[in-house]
């Protein structure tokens, strides 16, 4: 037997043990990385929710400052004119001065209200007695607080 044939017979490749070690290392790395990626995505949605709530709340306050009442309906902050406001009175009986309306007070990409990033719709919880608005999501934030209390 020549030296060449001995070298040729030697098998090159990975053993089963080596493959299992590599798979285990990859699984451990995935267990460390995947939860952080999911938390980062959730955090981004939370930042978007906070920003959207701030925009809507600012628009509600501008509506109230110009018309003297809270918007009777949340969609009134995107009304094209005072004539398009849904009612003459807010939830506490305050008169909406339609002639002072100078909106729309907020303009979202879809032409209406901004989307709640967790519910993917514009179904905000709005109280026309106090002007308070919150998310309608039933989920809890990364800090443990419910989104519908934000």
C-alpha atoms as a PDB file:
ATOM      1  CA  UNK A   1       0.000   0.000   0.000  1.00  0.00           C
ATOM      2  CA  UNK A   2       1.406   3.316  -0.976  1.00  0.00           C
ATOM      3  CA  UNK A   3       1.457   6.408   1.062  1.00  0.00           C
ATOM      4  CA  UNK A   4      -0.941   8.087  -1.377  1.00  0.00           C
ATOM      5  CA  UNK A   5      -3.611   5.424  -0.899  1.00  0.00           C
ATOM      6  CA  UNK A   6      -3.386   5.741   2.889  1.00  0.00           C
ATOM      7  CA  UNK A   7      -3.960   9.461   2.739  1.00  0.00           C
ATOM      8  CA  UNK A   8      -6.775   9.030   0.278  1.00  0.00           C
ATOM      9  CA  UNK A   9      -8.644   6.588   2.504  1.00  0.00           C
ATOM     10  CA  UNK A  10      -8.702   9.021   5.397  1.00  0.00           C
ATOM     11  CA  UNK A  11     -12.187  10.566   5.620  1.00  0.00           C
ATOM     12  CA  UNK A  12     -12.539  14.327   5.934  1.00  0.00           C
ATOM     13  CA  UNK A  13     -15.649  15.745   7.586  1.00  0.00           C
ATOM     14  CA  UNK A  14     -17.348  16.289  10.905  1.00  0.00           C
ATOM     15  CA  UNK A  15     -18.194  13.650  13.424  1.00  0.00           C
ATOM     16  CA  UNK A  16     -21.630  13.404  14.983  1.00  0.00           C
ATOM     17  CA  UNK A  17     -20.271  14.768  18.265  1.00  0.00           C
ATOM     18  CA  UNK A  18     -18.825  17.827  16.525  1.00  0.00           C
ATOM     19  CA  UNK A  19     -22.144  18.486  14.779  1.00  0.00           C
ATOM     20  CA  UNK A  20     -24.069  18.199  18.066  1.00  0.00           C
ATOM     21  CA  UNK A  21     -21.704  20.667  19.736  1.00  0.00           C
ATOM     22  CA  UNK A  22     -22.175  23.183  16.916  1.00  0.00           C
ATOM     23  CA  UNK A  23     -25.960  22.803  17.026  1.00  0.00           C
ATOM     24  CA  UNK A  24     -25.951  23.254  20.811  1.00  0.00           C
ATOM     25  CA  UNK A  25     -23.856  26.421  20.578  1.00  0.00           C
ATOM     26  CA  UNK A  26     -26.205  27.835  17.889  1.00  0.00           C
ATOM     27  CA  UNK A  27     -29.247  26.996  20.041  1.00  0.00           C
ATOM     28  CA  UNK A  28     -27.732  28.743  23.074  1.00  0.00           C
ATOM     29  CA  UNK A  29     -26.964  31.847  21.018  1.00  0.00           C
ATOM     30  CA  UNK A  30     -30.497  31.855  19.599  1.00  0.00           C
ATOM     31  CA  UNK A  31     -31.938  31.638  23.125  1.00  0.00           C
ATOM     32  CA  UNK A  32     -29.957  34.752  24.049  1.00  0.00           C
ATOM     33  CA  UNK A  33     -30.638  36.814  20.916  1.00  0.00           C
ATOM     34  CA  UNK A  34     -34.286  36.082  20.007  1.00  0.00           C
ATOM     35  CA  UNK A  35     -35.878  37.406  23.254  1.00  0.00           C
ATOM     36  CA  UNK A  36     -33.867  40.619  22.959  1.00  0.00           C
ATOM     37  CA  UNK A  37     -35.022  41.097  19.373  1.00  0.00           C
ATOM     38  CA  UNK A  38     -38.660  40.571  20.395  1.00  0.00           C
ATOM     39  CA  UNK A  39     -38.285  42.999  23.299  1.00  0.00           C
ATOM     40  CA  UNK A  40     -36.769  45.590  20.953  1.00  0.00           C
ATOM     41  CA  UNK A  41     -39.741  45.260  18.602  1.00  0.00           C
ATOM     42  CA  UNK A  42     -42.161  45.614  21.522  1.00  0.00           C
ATOM     43  CA  UNK A  43     -40.254  48.636  22.796  1.00  0.00           C
ATOM     44  CA  UNK A  44     -40.496  50.270  19.361  1.00  0.00           C
ATOM     45  CA  UNK A  45     -44.279  49.780  19.387  1.00  0.00           C
ATOM     46  CA  UNK A  46     -44.449  51.279  22.880  1.00  0.00           C
ATOM     47  CA  UNK A  47     -42.547  54.351  21.704  1.00  0.00           C
ATOM     48  CA  UNK A  48     -44.936  54.654  18.751  1.00  0.00           C
ATOM     49  CA  UNK A  49     -47.950  54.299  21.075  1.00  0.00           C
ATOM     50  CA  UNK A  50     -46.650  57.020  23.390  1.00  0.00           C
ATOM     51  CA  UNK A  51     -46.028  59.320  20.429  1.00  0.00           C
ATOM     52  CA  UNK A  52     -49.460  58.710  18.918  1.00  0.00           C
ATOM     53  CA  UNK A  53     -51.159  59.317  22.266  1.00  0.00           C
ATOM     54  CA  UNK A  54     -49.246  62.588  22.677  1.00  0.00           C
ATOM     55  CA  UNK A  55     -50.326  63.759  19.208  1.00  0.00           C
ATOM     56  CA  UNK A  56     -53.971  62.871  19.842  1.00  0.00           C
ATOM     57  CA  UNK A  57     -53.956  64.498  23.288  1.00  0.00           C
ATOM     58  CA  UNK A  58     -52.360  67.664  21.892  1.00  0.00           C
ATOM     59  CA  UNK A  59     -55.016  67.783  19.155  1.00  0.00           C
ATOM     60  CA  UNK A  60     -57.798  67.348  21.737  1.00  0.00           C
ATOM     61  CA  UNK A  61     -56.369  70.191  23.827  1.00  0.00           C
ATOM     62  CA  UNK A  62     -56.105  72.485  20.776  1.00  0.00           C
ATOM     63  CA  UNK A  63     -59.724  71.648  19.889  1.00  0.00           C
ATOM     64  CA  UNK A  64     -60.802  72.521  23.422  1.00  0.00           C
ATOM     65  CA  UNK A  65     -58.733  75.714  23.463  1.00  0.00           C
ATOM     66  CA  UNK A  66     -60.310  77.032  20.247  1.00  0.00           C
ATOM     67  CA  UNK A  67     -63.898  75.807  20.552  1.00  0.00           C
ATOM     68  CA  UNK A  68     -64.364  75.990  24.332  1.00  0.00           C
ATOM     69  CA  UNK A  69     -65.397  72.327  24.699  1.00  0.00           C
ATOM     70  CA  UNK A  70     -63.948  68.851  24.394  1.00  0.00           C
ATOM     71  CA  UNK A  71     -64.500  67.172  21.043  1.00  0.00           C
ATOM     72  CA  UNK A  72     -67.904  65.412  21.188  1.00  0.00           C
ATOM     73  CA  UNK A  73     -66.340  62.554  19.222  1.00  0.00           C
ATOM     74  CA  UNK A  74     -62.658  61.776  18.794  1.00  0.00           C
ATOM     75  CA  UNK A  75     -63.021  61.984  15.027  1.00  0.00           C
ATOM     76  CA  UNK A  76     -63.954  65.669  15.426  1.00  0.00           C
ATOM     77  CA  UNK A  77     -60.258  66.556  15.785  1.00  0.00           C
ATOM     78  CA  UNK A  78     -59.799  65.566  12.123  1.00  0.00           C
ATOM     79  CA  UNK A  79     -62.974  67.287  10.869  1.00  0.00           C
ATOM     80  CA  UNK A  80     -62.477  69.451   7.783  1.00  0.00           C
ATOM     81  CA  UNK A  81     -64.491  72.354   9.227  1.00  0.00           C
ATOM     82  CA  UNK A  82     -66.569  73.406  12.220  1.00  0.00           C
ATOM     83  CA  UNK A  83     -69.697  72.408  10.321  1.00  0.00           C
ATOM     84  CA  UNK A  84     -68.397  68.819  10.220  1.00  0.00           C
ATOM     85  CA  UNK A  85     -68.128  68.553  14.033  1.00  0.00           C
ATOM     86  CA  UNK A  86     -70.434  65.751  15.181  1.00  0.00           C
ATOM     87  CA  UNK A  87     -72.393  67.606  17.912  1.00  0.00           C
ATOM     88  CA  UNK A  88     -72.960  70.991  19.523  1.00  0.00           C
ATOM     89  CA  UNK A  89     -72.202  69.808  23.068  1.00  0.00           C
ATOM     90  CA  UNK A  90     -69.411  67.790  24.613  1.00  0.00           C
ATOM     91  CA  UNK A  91     -69.973  65.056  27.215  1.00  0.00           C
ATOM     92  CA  UNK A  92     -70.222  67.503  30.107  1.00  0.00           C
ATOM     93  CA  UNK A  93     -72.647  69.815  28.319  1.00  0.00           C
ATOM     94  CA  UNK A  94     -70.056  72.342  27.129  1.00  0.00           C
ATOM     95  CA  UNK A  95     -71.045  74.200  23.957  1.00  0.00           C
ATOM     96  CA  UNK A  96     -68.781  73.630  20.923  1.00  0.00           C
ATOM     97  CA  UNK A  97     -68.143  76.950  19.166  1.00  0.00           C
ATOM     98  CA  UNK A  98     -68.120  75.680  15.580  1.00  0.00           C
ATOM     99  CA  UNK A  99     -67.197  79.116  14.207  1.00  0.00           C
ATOM    100  CA  UNK A 100     -63.926  79.101  16.179  1.00  0.00           C
ATOM    101  CA  UNK A 101     -62.919  75.679  14.871  1.00  0.00           C
ATOM    102  CA  UNK A 102     -59.666  75.930  12.915  1.00  0.00           C
ATOM    103  CA  UNK A 103     -58.834  72.261  12.399  1.00  0.00           C
ATOM    104  CA  UNK A 104     -58.116  69.632  11.460  1.00  0.00           C
ATOM    105  CA  UNK A 105     -55.957  69.490  14.556  1.00  0.00           C
ATOM    106  CA  UNK A 106     -54.152  66.304  13.592  1.00  0.00           C
ATOM    107  CA  UNK A 107     -53.406  64.740  10.245  1.00  0.00           C
ATOM    108  CA  UNK A 108     -52.371  61.099  10.111  1.00  0.00           C
ATOM    109  CA  UNK A 109     -51.067  59.206   7.096  1.00  0.00           C
ATOM    110  CA  UNK A 110     -54.413  57.483   6.571  1.00  0.00           C
ATOM    111  CA  UNK A 111     -56.250  60.828   6.606  1.00  0.00           C
ATOM    112  CA  UNK A 112     -57.884  60.061   9.948  1.00  0.00           C
ATOM    113  CA  UNK A 113     -56.658  59.348  13.425  1.00  0.00           C
ATOM    114  CA  UNK A 114     -53.292  57.656  14.000  1.00  0.00           C
ATOM    115  CA  UNK A 115     -53.369  53.895  14.511  1.00  0.00           C
ATOM    116  CA  UNK A 116     -52.860  52.259  17.866  1.00  0.00           C
ATOM    117  CA  UNK A 117     -49.763  50.128  17.120  1.00  0.00           C
ATOM    118  CA  UNK A 118     -51.013  47.259  19.294  1.00  0.00           C
ATOM    119  CA  UNK A 119     -54.577  47.011  18.030  1.00  0.00           C
ATOM    120  CA  UNK A 120     -53.671  48.184  14.470  1.00  0.00           C
ATOM    121  CA  UNK A 121     -56.874  50.297  14.333  1.00  0.00           C
ATOM    122  CA  UNK A 122     -58.019  53.755  15.468  1.00  0.00           C
ATOM    123  CA  UNK A 123     -60.227  52.462  18.292  1.00  0.00           C
ATOM    124  CA  UNK A 124     -58.900  54.758  21.019  1.00  0.00           C
ATOM    125  CA  UNK A 125     -60.786  54.914  24.328  1.00  0.00           C
ATOM    126  CA  UNK A 126     -62.004  58.522  24.476  1.00  0.00           C
ATOM    127  CA  UNK A 127     -63.959  60.235  27.251  1.00  0.00           C
ATOM    128  CA  UNK A 128     -65.687  63.365  25.938  1.00  0.00           C
ATOM    129  CA  UNK A 129     -66.480  64.505  29.488  1.00  0.00           C
ATOM    130  CA  UNK A 130     -62.815  64.889  30.500  1.00  0.00           C
ATOM    131  CA  UNK A 131     -61.003  64.814  27.153  1.00  0.00           C
ATOM    132  CA  UNK A 132     -58.950  61.808  28.259  1.00  0.00           C
ATOM    133  CA  UNK A 133     -57.805  59.312  25.640  1.00  0.00           C
ATOM    134  CA  UNK A 134     -56.113  55.940  26.120  1.00  0.00           C
ATOM    135  CA  UNK A 135     -55.171  52.860  24.137  1.00  0.00           C
ATOM    136  CA  UNK A 136     -57.841  50.194  23.838  1.00  0.00           C
ATOM    137  CA  UNK A 137     -55.252  47.417  23.932  1.00  0.00           C
ATOM    138  CA  UNK A 138     -55.638  44.812  26.663  1.00  0.00           C
ATOM    139  CA  UNK A 139     -51.906  44.045  26.674  1.00  0.00           C
ATOM    140  CA  UNK A 140     -49.389  45.046  29.316  1.00  0.00           C
ATOM    141  CA  UNK A 141     -46.219  47.019  28.664  1.00  0.00           C
ATOM    142  CA  UNK A 142     -42.656  45.970  29.278  1.00  0.00           C
ATOM    143  CA  UNK A 143     -42.822  47.918  32.549  1.00  0.00           C
ATOM    144  CA  UNK A 144     -45.886  45.925  33.673  1.00  0.00           C
ATOM    145  CA  UNK A 145     -48.450  48.706  33.248  1.00  0.00           C
ATOM    146  CA  UNK A 146     -51.490  48.154  31.040  1.00  0.00           C
ATOM    147  CA  UNK A 147     -51.490  50.057  27.740  1.00  0.00           C
ATOM    148  CA  UNK A 148     -55.083  51.130  28.344  1.00  0.00           C
ATOM    149  CA  UNK A 149     -53.851  53.214  31.295  1.00  0.00           C
ATOM    150  CA  UNK A 150     -51.258  55.125  29.268  1.00  0.00           C
END
